[in-house]
């Protein structure tokens, strides 16, 4: 598949001797902590996509978000306990979520998507406040300070969306009930040990948010205190607790529910807004994509939602010993998965960071069959492979042209498209991109078209 004209022209100009475009993504004048924290993983260039591609994906994702977050009402009569059971969620997890669940979720998500040469296709949908990569809007700002890149951007009418600006708007709106119109004091609340493990990433988030006028504190979940219905970190009152700890963290301790109870009570008492409630975890389960993909549930979606699902979502099913629909016929699912191994991906239904994910074309037949047999209880989902468009990337050190594959992390808020966080694989790497793989990260610029 041919790359777009902007990418082609950028690569051509980067190849020129002494071109500042060759390594603009690593040498731009970034904010200090961002530069120090990301300098080893930033790619030399951004990705380029037509604005129409991003607009179409955003419109479809808005409909997909409504469909997913509406599942408790549409399929389970508003009974969250039944909905959680329908996600194969264990009783302890469900109990923790039900503690403060409302059945509503903010439009605050990151869709992990693959560009197949015609459009962006959805492979994961992450709902909740614990979204990684929001700092990457700074890459766009820094690139525009490089004169040669700025000239290229102006010549091709390029633009980018600053994710930090969109997050600032979300936090101001979330904090409005307790701030009286001033900017909120926000605390990123993480689980014990998470901030010390990668301090630069959190400080970089503080830095980009400070540039937006939002003060961000960094807090271990055990450090915040509830005083008269409001959270405090030391003597600092917290208006918005930006939750970065996950359900898996809470489950990791026998007293996990007690650890977060002061935060939940402050939210209920109205002194501090918790953004977002742990219940958003449920909407990130991959079982939700099965409910969208399987024609047995198609009647609960509007025609517009159904059309968006068909455009953006690959065929997705739970791994169960059952008969299902595939390619217009009824098939036994396990037999279909064995026969079509080369075009399928297996994923844990509640996993994150690609842990436990297997690409059929990179897995032995014996291991593939073993995974199917061991997880035919609905704990895994299977999804059709999306064949990505390969992106050329000029290595600034060797001038070698590399074939790379990006996964586009598309941020979505109430205001719509909120920028991208792209993780990129280089040649010879596994197809499964996790936090421990890939050659780097980058953002996206769009061009008219």
Protein backbone atom coordinates (compact mmCIF):
# COMPACT_ATOMS: atom_id res chain seq x y z
CA UNK A 1 0.00 0.00 0.00
CA UNK A 2 1.36 3.40 -0.97
CA UNK A 3 1.93 5.95 1.78
CA UNK A 4 0.30 9.36 1.57
CA UNK A 5 1.94 12.24 -0.26
CA UNK A 6 2.90 14.12 2.93
CA UNK A 7 4.76 11.14 4.37
CA UNK A 8 6.47 10.49 1.04
CA UNK A 9 7.61 14.10 0.76
CA UNK A 10 8.78 14.25 4.39
CA UNK A 11 10.90 11.13 3.98
CA UNK A 12 12.38 12.47 0.75
CA UNK A 13 13.35 15.77 2.37
CA UNK A 14 14.68 14.00 5.47
CA UNK A 15 17.09 12.03 3.31
CA UNK A 16 18.80 15.20 2.17
CA UNK A 17 22.25 15.85 3.60
CA UNK A 18 22.05 18.03 6.70
CA UNK A 19 18.25 18.09 6.75
CA UNK A 20 16.89 19.11 10.16
CA UNK A 21 13.80 17.01 9.41
CA UNK A 22 15.82 13.82 9.73
CA UNK A 23 15.88 13.94 13.53
CA UNK A 24 13.40 16.71 14.35
CA UNK A 25 11.42 14.46 16.68
CA UNK A 26 14.42 14.00 18.94
CA UNK A 27 16.10 17.39 18.79
CA UNK A 28 13.16 19.79 19.08
CA UNK A 29 13.17 22.20 22.06
CA UNK A 30 10.78 20.35 24.34
CA UNK A 31 9.85 21.18 27.91
CA UNK A 32 12.76 19.98 30.06
CA UNK A 33 11.26 17.00 31.91
CA UNK A 34 9.35 15.84 28.85
CA UNK A 35 12.55 15.93 26.82
CA UNK A 36 14.55 14.09 29.44
CA UNK A 37 11.85 11.46 30.02
CA UNK A 38 10.98 10.73 26.40
CA UNK A 39 14.24 11.42 24.56
CA UNK A 40 15.12 7.72 24.31
CA UNK A 41 11.75 6.69 22.88
CA UNK A 42 10.67 9.63 20.72
CA UNK A 43 10.79 8.80 17.02
CA UNK A 44 12.47 11.13 14.53
CA UNK A 45 9.19 12.09 12.88
CA UNK A 46 5.45 12.16 13.58
CA UNK A 47 2.83 10.20 11.69
CA UNK A 48 0.79 11.99 9.02
CA UNK A 49 -2.88 11.25 8.36
CA UNK A 50 -5.56 12.94 6.29
CA UNK A 51 -7.94 15.03 8.41
CA UNK A 52 -10.85 13.15 6.87
CA UNK A 53 -9.47 9.86 8.22
CA UNK A 54 -9.29 11.30 11.74
CA UNK A 55 -12.71 12.94 11.45
CA UNK A 56 -14.32 9.69 10.30
CA UNK A 57 -12.65 7.71 13.09
CA UNK A 58 -13.73 10.29 15.68
CA UNK A 59 -17.35 10.23 14.53
CA UNK A 60 -17.36 6.43 14.60
CA UNK A 61 -15.67 6.30 18.01
CA UNK A 62 -18.28 8.62 19.47
CA UNK A 63 -20.98 6.18 18.35
CA UNK A 64 -18.96 3.19 19.57
CA UNK A 65 -18.52 4.87 22.95
CA UNK A 66 -22.28 5.40 23.24
CA UNK A 67 -22.88 1.78 22.26
CA UNK A 68 -20.42 0.38 24.81
CA UNK A 69 -21.40 2.60 27.71
CA UNK A 70 -25.05 1.92 26.93
CA UNK A 71 -24.68 -1.86 27.20
CA UNK A 72 -25.87 -2.12 30.83
CA UNK A 73 -29.20 -0.55 29.86
CA UNK A 74 -29.52 -2.11 26.42
CA UNK A 75 -28.69 -5.71 27.27
CA UNK A 76 -29.04 -5.99 31.06
CA UNK A 77 -32.02 -3.75 31.92
CA UNK A 78 -29.73 -1.39 33.81
CA UNK A 79 -28.69 -4.09 36.27
CA UNK A 80 -24.96 -3.52 36.75
CA UNK A 81 -24.51 -6.76 38.67
CA UNK A 82 -25.85 -8.67 35.64
CA UNK A 83 -23.69 -6.58 33.30
CA UNK A 84 -20.55 -7.37 35.27
CA UNK A 85 -21.47 -11.05 35.27
CA UNK A 86 -21.95 -10.78 31.51
CA UNK A 87 -18.34 -9.59 31.28
CA UNK A 88 -17.16 -12.71 33.15
CA UNK A 89 -16.09 -10.47 36.03
CA UNK A 90 -15.39 -12.23 39.32
CA UNK A 91 -17.47 -11.43 42.40
CA UNK A 92 -14.76 -9.49 44.25
CA UNK A 93 -14.10 -7.22 41.27
CA UNK A 94 -17.80 -6.62 40.79
CA UNK A 95 -18.24 -5.80 44.47
CA UNK A 96 -15.51 -3.15 44.35
CA UNK A 97 -17.03 -1.54 41.26
CA UNK A 98 -20.55 -1.64 42.65
CA UNK A 99 -19.44 0.30 45.72
CA UNK A 100 -19.82 3.61 43.82
CA UNK A 101 -21.09 2.56 40.39
CA UNK A 102 -23.64 4.72 38.60
CA UNK A 103 -23.77 3.02 35.19
CA UNK A 104 -22.41 6.16 33.54
CA UNK A 105 -18.96 6.78 32.14
CA UNK A 106 -17.29 10.00 31.01
CA UNK A 107 -16.35 10.39 27.37
CA UNK A 108 -12.69 10.04 28.22
CA UNK A 109 -11.04 7.22 26.35
CA UNK A 110 -8.16 6.06 24.17
CA UNK A 111 -8.92 3.89 21.20
CA UNK A 112 -5.98 1.81 19.99
CA UNK A 113 -6.34 1.67 16.22
CA UNK A 114 -4.49 0.37 13.17
CA UNK A 115 -4.51 2.17 9.83
CA UNK A 116 -5.10 -0.31 7.02
CA UNK A 117 -4.58 2.13 4.14
CA UNK A 118 -8.22 3.19 3.96
CA UNK A 119 -9.19 3.98 7.55
CA UNK A 120 -8.44 3.46 11.23
CA UNK A 121 -9.67 0.15 12.64
CA UNK A 122 -10.34 -0.39 16.34
CA UNK A 123 -8.49 -3.17 18.17
CA UNK A 124 -8.75 -1.99 21.81
CA UNK A 125 -10.94 0.55 23.60
CA UNK A 126 -9.69 1.97 26.89
CA UNK A 127 -12.17 3.93 29.01
CA UNK A 128 -11.16 5.68 32.22
CA UNK A 129 -8.76 8.19 33.68
CA UNK A 130 -5.66 5.96 33.69
CA UNK A 131 -4.74 6.65 30.05
CA UNK A 132 -1.08 6.63 29.05
CA UNK A 133 0.55 8.93 26.52
CA UNK A 134 -1.30 12.19 27.17
CA UNK A 135 2.04 14.03 27.30
CA UNK A 136 2.63 13.50 23.57
CA UNK A 137 0.92 16.73 22.57
CA UNK A 138 4.19 18.34 23.67
CA UNK A 139 5.91 16.65 20.74
CA UNK A 140 3.73 18.64 18.36
CA UNK A 141 4.50 21.92 20.11
CA UNK A 142 8.22 21.20 20.12
CA UNK A 143 8.32 20.18 16.46
CA UNK A 144 6.69 23.45 15.46
CA UNK A 145 9.67 25.27 17.04
CA UNK A 146 12.05 23.63 14.54
CA UNK A 147 12.21 26.12 11.64
CA UNK A 148 12.55 23.49 8.89
CA UNK A 149 9.68 21.44 10.32
CA UNK A 150 7.54 24.56 10.72
CA UNK A 151 8.17 25.44 7.07
CA UNK A 152 7.21 21.90 6.04
CA UNK A 153 4.06 22.06 8.18
CA UNK A 154 3.03 25.38 6.67
CA UNK A 155 3.67 24.16 3.14
CA UNK A 156 1.41 21.14 3.70
CA UNK A 157 -1.13 22.84 6.00
CA UNK A 158 -0.37 20.46 8.86
CA UNK A 159 -1.95 20.70 12.30
CA UNK A 160 -1.95 18.69 15.52
CA UNK A 161 -4.18 18.38 18.56
CA UNK A 162 -2.56 19.05 21.94
CA UNK A 163 -3.82 16.34 24.29
CA UNK A 164 -2.78 18.32 27.36
CA UNK A 165 -5.07 21.19 26.38
CA UNK A 166 -7.96 18.76 26.02
CA UNK A 167 -7.21 17.14 29.39
CA UNK A 168 -7.11 20.59 31.00
CA UNK A 169 -10.59 21.29 29.66
CA UNK A 170 -11.82 17.96 31.06
CA UNK A 171 -10.33 18.62 34.50
CA UNK A 172 -11.76 22.13 34.69
CA UNK A 173 -15.18 20.77 33.85
CA UNK A 174 -14.84 17.86 36.29
CA UNK A 175 -13.73 20.15 39.10
CA UNK A 176 -16.39 22.81 38.52
CA UNK A 177 -18.74 21.52 41.28
CA UNK A 178 -16.09 22.20 43.95
CA UNK A 179 -13.92 25.04 42.58
CA UNK A 180 -16.36 27.91 42.20
CA UNK A 181 -14.88 28.78 38.83
CA UNK A 182 -11.16 28.78 39.67
CA UNK A 183 -8.73 26.27 38.20
CA UNK A 184 -8.77 23.00 40.15
CA UNK A 185 -5.89 21.60 42.18
CA UNK A 186 -5.48 18.11 40.74
CA UNK A 187 -3.72 15.14 42.29
CA UNK A 188 -2.65 12.18 40.19
CA UNK A 189 -3.42 9.36 42.64
CA UNK A 190 -1.40 6.22 41.91
CA UNK A 191 -0.93 2.87 43.56
CA UNK A 192 2.00 2.29 45.86
CA UNK A 193 5.28 1.95 43.96
CA UNK A 194 4.01 3.16 40.58
CA UNK A 195 5.35 6.73 40.65
CA UNK A 196 8.86 5.78 41.89
CA UNK A 197 9.05 3.15 39.11
CA UNK A 198 8.87 5.81 36.36
CA UNK A 199 8.98 9.25 37.99
CA UNK A 200 9.85 11.12 34.82
CA UNK A 201 6.59 10.20 33.12
CA UNK A 202 4.54 11.62 35.99
CA UNK A 203 6.66 14.76 36.32
CA UNK A 204 6.39 15.27 32.56
CA UNK A 205 2.60 15.12 32.94
CA UNK A 206 2.84 17.74 35.72
CA UNK A 207 4.94 19.85 33.39
CA UNK A 208 2.62 19.78 30.37
CA UNK A 209 -0.41 20.42 32.58
CA UNK A 210 1.31 23.36 34.28
CA UNK A 211 1.75 24.84 30.79
CA UNK A 212 -2.06 24.67 30.56
CA UNK A 213 -2.52 26.43 33.90
CA UNK A 214 -3.42 23.30 35.89
CA UNK A 215 -1.45 22.48 39.03
CA UNK A 216 -0.93 18.74 39.41
CA UNK A 217 0.25 17.03 42.59
CA UNK A 218 1.61 13.48 42.63
CA UNK A 219 0.22 11.21 45.33
CA UNK A 220 0.57 7.62 46.44
CA UNK A 221 -2.87 6.20 47.21
CA UNK A 222 -1.84 5.74 50.85
CA UNK A 223 -0.70 9.37 51.21
CA UNK A 224 -4.02 11.15 50.69
CA UNK A 225 -6.17 11.89 53.73
CA UNK A 226 -9.88 12.57 54.03
CA UNK A 227 -10.56 15.58 56.22
CA UNK A 228 -14.20 16.52 56.69
CA UNK A 229 -15.14 15.12 53.28
CA UNK A 230 -12.23 16.53 51.26
CA UNK A 231 -8.95 14.91 50.25
CA UNK A 232 -5.62 16.39 51.26
CA UNK A 233 -2.03 15.65 50.36
CA UNK A 234 -0.15 17.02 53.32
CA UNK A 235 -1.66 20.47 53.81
CA UNK A 236 -2.78 20.81 50.18
CA UNK A 237 -6.50 20.45 49.52
CA UNK A 238 -7.33 18.38 46.41
CA UNK A 239 -10.21 19.40 44.14
CA UNK A 240 -9.89 16.56 41.61
CA UNK A 241 -8.37 13.15 42.30
CA UNK A 242 -7.20 11.99 38.87
CA UNK A 243 -7.26 8.23 39.35
CA UNK A 244 -4.36 6.34 37.85
CA UNK A 245 -4.55 3.25 40.05
CA UNK A 246 -6.46 0.39 38.46
CA UNK A 247 -8.81 -2.33 39.62
CA UNK A 248 -5.94 -4.81 39.31
CA UNK A 249 -3.99 -2.78 41.88
CA UNK A 250 -6.89 -2.77 44.33
CA UNK A 251 -7.30 -6.51 43.90
CA UNK A 252 -3.59 -7.04 44.57
CA UNK A 253 -4.09 -6.35 48.27
CA UNK A 254 -6.57 -8.10 50.59
CA UNK A 255 -7.38 -4.69 52.07
CA UNK A 256 -7.43 -2.92 48.69
CA UNK A 257 -11.05 -1.80 49.04
CA UNK A 258 -10.27 -0.26 52.44
CA UNK A 259 -7.24 1.57 51.03
CA UNK A 260 -9.36 3.48 48.51
CA UNK A 261 -12.36 4.03 50.81
CA UNK A 262 -11.29 7.55 51.93
CA UNK A 263 -11.14 8.62 48.27
CA UNK A 264 -14.58 7.21 47.54
CA UNK A 265 -16.07 8.90 50.61
CA UNK A 266 -14.61 12.29 49.68
CA UNK A 267 -16.19 11.93 46.26
CA UNK A 268 -19.55 10.98 47.73
CA UNK A 269 -19.39 13.84 50.22
CA UNK A 270 -18.73 16.30 47.40
CA UNK A 271 -15.45 17.72 48.68
CA UNK A 272 -13.20 16.14 46.05
CA UNK A 273 -14.21 14.89 42.61
CA UNK A 274 -12.89 11.43 41.74
CA UNK A 275 -12.09 11.31 38.04
CA UNK A 276 -12.85 8.71 37.02
CA UNK A 277 -14.69 6.16 39.10
CA UNK A 278 -13.32 2.61 39.00
CA UNK A 279 -16.54 1.50 37.31
CA UNK A 280 -15.08 2.71 34.00
CA UNK A 281 -12.89 -0.41 34.20
CA UNK A 282 -15.84 -2.52 33.08
CA UNK A 283 -16.25 -0.59 29.84
CA UNK A 284 -12.63 -1.39 28.91
CA UNK A 285 -13.20 -5.17 29.09
CA UNK A 286 -12.80 -6.64 25.63
CA UNK A 287 -16.08 -8.52 26.04
CA UNK A 288 -17.74 -5.20 25.19
CA UNK A 289 -16.29 -5.44 21.68
CA UNK A 290 -17.84 -8.90 21.38
CA UNK A 291 -21.25 -7.46 22.22
CA UNK A 292 -20.73 -4.93 19.44
CA UNK A 293 -19.41 -7.39 16.86
CA UNK A 294 -21.70 -10.40 17.37
CA UNK A 295 -24.87 -10.10 15.22
CA UNK A 296 -26.92 -11.67 18.02
CA UNK A 297 -26.92 -8.27 19.72
CA UNK A 298 -27.25 -6.08 16.65
CA UNK A 299 -30.89 -5.17 17.38
CA UNK A 300 -29.94 -2.94 20.34
CA UNK A 301 -27.95 -0.50 18.19
CA UNK A 302 -29.24 2.32 16.04
CA UNK A 303 -28.60 2.14 12.29
CA UNK A 304 -25.89 4.80 12.68
CA UNK A 305 -24.21 2.86 15.50
CA UNK A 306 -24.38 -0.40 13.57
CA UNK A 307 -22.81 1.24 10.52
CA UNK A 308 -20.00 2.71 12.64
CA UNK A 309 -19.35 -0.67 14.28
CA UNK A 310 -19.12 -2.31 10.86
CA UNK A 311 -16.69 0.34 9.61
CA UNK A 312 -14.33 0.41 12.52
CA UNK A 313 -14.41 -2.90 14.41
CA UNK A 314 -12.90 -6.18 13.19
CA UNK A 315 -14.79 -9.43 13.79
CA UNK A 316 -14.46 -10.22 17.52
CA UNK A 317 -15.73 -13.18 19.55
CA UNK A 318 -15.28 -14.80 22.94
CA UNK A 319 -13.30 -18.02 22.89
CA UNK A 320 -16.04 -20.51 23.72
CA UNK A 321 -16.88 -24.02 22.58
CA UNK A 322 -19.89 -22.86 20.58
CA UNK A 323 -21.24 -22.22 17.11
CA UNK A 324 -21.05 -18.65 15.88
CA UNK A 325 -21.23 -16.58 12.72
CA UNK A 326 -18.07 -15.97 10.69
CA UNK A 327 -17.75 -14.82 7.09
CA UNK A 328 -21.47 -15.18 6.53
CA UNK A 329 -21.75 -18.79 7.69
CA UNK A 330 -22.31 -20.68 10.94
CA UNK A 331 -19.12 -22.29 12.19
CA UNK A 332 -17.82 -24.04 15.29
CA UNK A 333 -15.68 -21.33 16.80
CA UNK A 334 -12.75 -23.45 17.97
CA UNK A 335 -12.47 -25.20 14.60
CA UNK A 336 -12.62 -21.81 12.86
CA UNK A 337 -9.84 -20.46 15.08
CA UNK A 338 -7.60 -23.43 14.28
CA UNK A 339 -8.24 -23.16 10.54
CA UNK A 340 -7.77 -19.38 10.43
CA UNK A 341 -4.88 -19.07 12.87
CA UNK A 342 -2.78 -16.93 10.51
CA UNK A 343 -5.41 -14.18 10.44
CA UNK A 344 -6.43 -14.11 14.11
CA UNK A 345 -5.27 -12.59 17.42
CA UNK A 346 -6.00 -14.01 20.89
CA UNK A 347 -6.28 -11.64 23.88
CA UNK A 348 -7.26 -11.99 27.56
CA UNK A 349 -10.72 -10.47 27.92
CA UNK A 350 -9.63 -8.30 30.87
CA UNK A 351 -5.96 -7.80 30.02
CA UNK A 352 -3.92 -4.66 29.56
CA UNK A 353 -0.48 -3.74 28.17
CA UNK A 354 -0.79 -6.71 25.75
CA UNK A 355 0.08 -9.20 28.50
CA UNK A 356 -1.00 -12.68 27.36
CA UNK A 357 -1.77 -11.59 23.77
CA UNK A 358 -0.86 -13.94 20.91
CA UNK A 359 -0.72 -13.17 17.19
CA UNK A 360 -1.67 -16.32 15.30
CA UNK A 361 0.90 -15.74 12.55
CA UNK A 362 3.67 -15.62 15.17
CA UNK A 363 2.50 -18.56 17.30
CA UNK A 364 3.14 -22.26 16.75
CA UNK A 365 0.13 -24.40 15.87
CA UNK A 366 0.63 -26.43 19.05
CA UNK A 367 0.74 -23.38 21.31
CA UNK A 368 -2.25 -21.83 19.53
CA UNK A 369 -4.33 -24.96 20.03
CA UNK A 370 -3.25 -25.17 23.66
CA UNK A 371 -4.35 -21.59 24.34
CA UNK A 372 -7.72 -22.24 22.74
CA UNK A 373 -8.25 -25.43 24.73
CA UNK A 374 -7.14 -23.85 28.01
CA UNK A 375 -9.25 -20.71 27.63
CA UNK A 376 -12.48 -21.90 26.01
CA UNK A 377 -14.33 -20.48 29.02
CA UNK A 378 -14.69 -16.91 27.78
CA UNK A 379 -11.53 -15.64 29.48
CA UNK A 380 -10.03 -14.88 26.04
CA UNK A 381 -11.38 -13.13 22.99
CA UNK A 382 -10.37 -13.75 19.39
CA UNK A 383 -10.22 -11.01 16.78
CA UNK A 384 -9.55 -10.78 13.07
CA UNK A 385 -6.16 -9.36 12.25
CA UNK A 386 -6.03 -5.87 10.79
CA UNK A 387 -3.28 -5.72 8.16
CA UNK A 388 -1.50 -2.41 8.79
CA UNK A 389 -0.10 0.02 6.31
CA UNK A 390 3.67 0.02 6.70
CA UNK A 391 5.24 3.42 7.38
CA UNK A 392 8.76 4.33 6.18
CA UNK A 393 11.02 5.75 8.89
CA UNK A 394 14.50 7.08 8.14
CA UNK A 395 16.98 6.10 10.82
CA UNK A 396 18.77 9.39 11.56
CA UNK A 397 21.96 7.63 12.63
CA UNK A 398 22.41 5.19 9.74
CA UNK A 399 20.20 6.78 7.03
CA UNK A 400 18.64 3.31 6.67
CA UNK A 401 14.98 3.26 5.65
CA UNK A 402 12.99 1.19 8.15
CA UNK A 403 9.54 -0.33 7.63
CA UNK A 404 7.52 0.48 10.72
CA UNK A 405 4.00 -0.26 11.95
CA UNK A 406 2.25 2.22 14.26
CA UNK A 407 -0.66 1.60 16.58
CA UNK A 408 -2.54 4.89 16.74
CA UNK A 409 -3.80 5.73 20.23
CA UNK A 410 -6.70 8.08 19.52
CA UNK A 411 -7.83 10.14 22.53
CA UNK A 412 -11.52 11.02 22.83
CA UNK A 413 -13.18 13.50 25.19
CA UNK A 414 -16.52 15.32 25.35
CA UNK A 415 -15.01 17.87 22.96
CA UNK A 416 -14.18 15.16 20.43
CA UNK A 417 -10.77 14.25 19.04
CA UNK A 418 -8.07 14.94 21.63
CA UNK A 419 -4.82 13.99 19.91
CA UNK A 420 -2.85 10.77 19.54
CA UNK A 421 -0.24 8.67 21.28
CA UNK A 422 1.32 6.32 18.74
CA UNK A 423 3.45 3.29 19.62
CA UNK A 424 5.53 2.02 16.73
CA UNK A 425 7.11 -1.32 15.88
CA UNK A 426 10.16 -1.61 13.71
CA UNK A 427 11.23 -4.40 11.33
CA UNK A 428 11.79 -7.79 12.89
CA UNK A 429 9.74 -7.01 16.00
CA UNK A 430 6.82 -9.01 17.29
CA UNK A 431 3.43 -7.87 16.05
CA UNK A 432 2.18 -7.50 19.63
CA UNK A 433 3.04 -4.03 20.91
CA UNK A 434 3.31 -3.69 24.67
CA UNK A 435 4.99 -1.29 27.05
CA UNK A 436 8.17 -3.34 26.70
CA UNK A 437 8.34 -3.55 22.92
CA UNK A 438 8.47 -1.28 19.92
CA UNK A 439 11.06 1.20 18.71
CA UNK A 440 9.41 4.31 20.04
CA UNK A 441 6.46 6.66 20.32
CA UNK A 442 5.29 9.66 18.36
CA UNK A 443 2.27 11.87 17.73
CA UNK A 444 0.19 12.63 14.64
CA UNK A 445 -0.15 15.65 12.38
CA UNK A 446 -3.08 15.88 10.00
CA UNK A 447 -3.27 17.41 6.55
CA UNK A 448 -6.33 18.56 4.57
CA UNK A 449 -7.99 15.79 2.67
